[in-house]
Protein backbone atom coordinates (compact mmCIF):
# COMPACT_ATOMS: atom_id res chain seq x y z
CA MET A 1 2.06 7.06 57.87
CA HIS A 2 -1.06 5.32 59.19
CA HIS A 3 -1.05 3.06 56.09
CA LEU A 4 2.36 1.63 56.96
CA PRO A 5 1.02 -1.53 58.72
CA LEU A 6 -1.19 -2.30 55.70
CA VAL A 7 1.70 -1.80 53.30
CA ALA A 8 3.91 -4.04 55.46
CA LEU A 9 1.20 -6.74 55.54
CA ALA A 10 0.72 -6.51 51.76
CA ILE A 11 4.47 -6.88 51.22
CA ARG A 12 4.59 -9.88 53.59
CA ILE A 13 1.69 -11.59 51.81
CA GLY A 14 3.25 -10.90 48.40
CA ILE A 15 6.57 -12.37 49.48
CA ALA A 16 4.87 -15.41 50.99
CA LEU A 17 2.92 -16.09 47.80
CA ALA A 18 5.81 -15.50 45.42
CA THR A 19 8.54 -17.41 47.23
CA CYS A 20 9.08 -21.13 46.77
CA THR A 21 12.21 -21.93 48.68
CA PHE A 22 13.48 -24.60 51.01
CA PHE A 23 12.63 -24.18 54.67
CA GLN A 24 14.64 -25.68 57.45
CA PRO A 25 12.44 -27.94 59.62
CA ASP A 26 12.98 -25.65 62.59
CA GLU A 27 11.42 -22.80 60.65
CA TYR A 28 8.19 -24.79 60.33
CA TYR A 29 8.07 -25.69 64.01
CA GLN A 30 8.81 -22.17 65.20
CA SER A 31 6.52 -20.22 62.85
CA LEU A 32 4.18 -22.01 60.45
CA GLU A 33 3.27 -24.88 62.77
CA VAL A 34 2.53 -22.47 65.61
CA ALA A 35 0.29 -20.33 63.38
CA HIS A 36 -1.47 -23.48 62.12
CA HIS A 37 -2.06 -24.59 65.71
CA LEU A 38 -3.51 -21.20 66.61
CA VAL A 39 -6.00 -21.26 63.72
CA PHE A 40 -6.93 -24.94 63.42
CA GLY A 41 -6.42 -26.06 67.02
CA TYR A 42 -4.07 -28.95 66.29
CA GLY A 43 -0.50 -29.55 65.20
CA GLN A 44 2.93 -30.14 66.67
CA LEU A 45 4.30 -27.64 69.15
CA THR A 46 7.83 -27.84 70.50
CA TRP A 47 8.64 -27.61 74.17
CA GLU A 48 9.34 -23.87 73.85
CA TRP A 49 5.61 -23.32 73.28
CA LEU A 50 4.35 -25.90 75.77
CA ALA A 51 6.34 -24.72 78.78
CA PRO A 52 4.31 -23.11 81.58
CA ASN A 53 5.81 -19.81 80.46
CA PRO A 54 6.56 -20.09 76.72
CA ILE A 55 10.03 -18.79 75.92
CA ARG A 56 9.31 -17.67 72.35
CA SER A 57 7.46 -14.63 71.11
CA ILE A 58 4.17 -15.12 69.28
CA ILE A 59 4.77 -12.07 67.06
CA TYR A 60 6.54 -13.80 64.15
CA PRO A 61 4.18 -16.81 63.96
CA ALA A 62 1.21 -14.43 64.24
CA LEU A 63 2.16 -12.90 60.87
CA ASN A 64 1.01 -16.15 59.25
CA VAL A 65 -2.28 -16.42 61.17
CA PRO A 66 -4.32 -14.22 58.75
CA ILE A 67 -3.31 -16.40 55.80
CA TYR A 68 -4.29 -19.63 57.56
CA TRP A 69 -7.50 -18.01 58.81
CA LEU A 70 -8.50 -17.01 55.26
CA LEU A 71 -7.77 -20.52 54.01
CA LYS A 72 -9.96 -21.90 56.79
CA VAL A 73 -12.81 -19.47 56.10
CA PHE A 74 -12.82 -20.25 52.36
CA HIS A 75 -12.43 -24.02 52.98
CA LEU A 76 -9.08 -24.10 51.17
CA ASP A 77 -7.33 -25.76 54.07
CA GLU A 78 -6.70 -29.18 52.57
CA THR A 79 -3.09 -30.34 52.51
CA ALA A 80 -2.85 -29.92 48.73
CA ALA A 81 -3.94 -26.28 48.97
CA LEU A 82 -1.46 -25.55 51.75
CA VAL A 83 1.66 -27.18 50.29
CA GLY A 84 0.92 -28.21 46.70
CA THR A 85 1.42 -24.94 44.86
CA CYS A 86 5.19 -24.59 45.33
CA ARG A 87 5.82 -28.27 44.68
CA GLU A 88 3.93 -28.11 41.39
CA ARG A 89 5.92 -25.09 40.19
CA ALA A 90 9.21 -26.71 41.21
CA THR A 91 8.57 -29.86 39.17
CA SER A 92 7.34 -28.17 36.00
């Protein structure tokens, strides 16, 4: 039972790496962009995050923080590394 968080994280990472689908713009601004801002210190945040008391939970965006952090640590944080993989598979 104590391995459940690790299994859940492994499943989440597997899904993230295997899925190449269309995201609605709001999904970027409410999850991926927030995680990017947390790791890299820049990016676009909507008013929900900039309010004196943010009205959104950080839990969902935080699921993406470890992935961005690893990309930053291994210097794989160029734009092509972050968004190029799915685009290349979709066009081939």
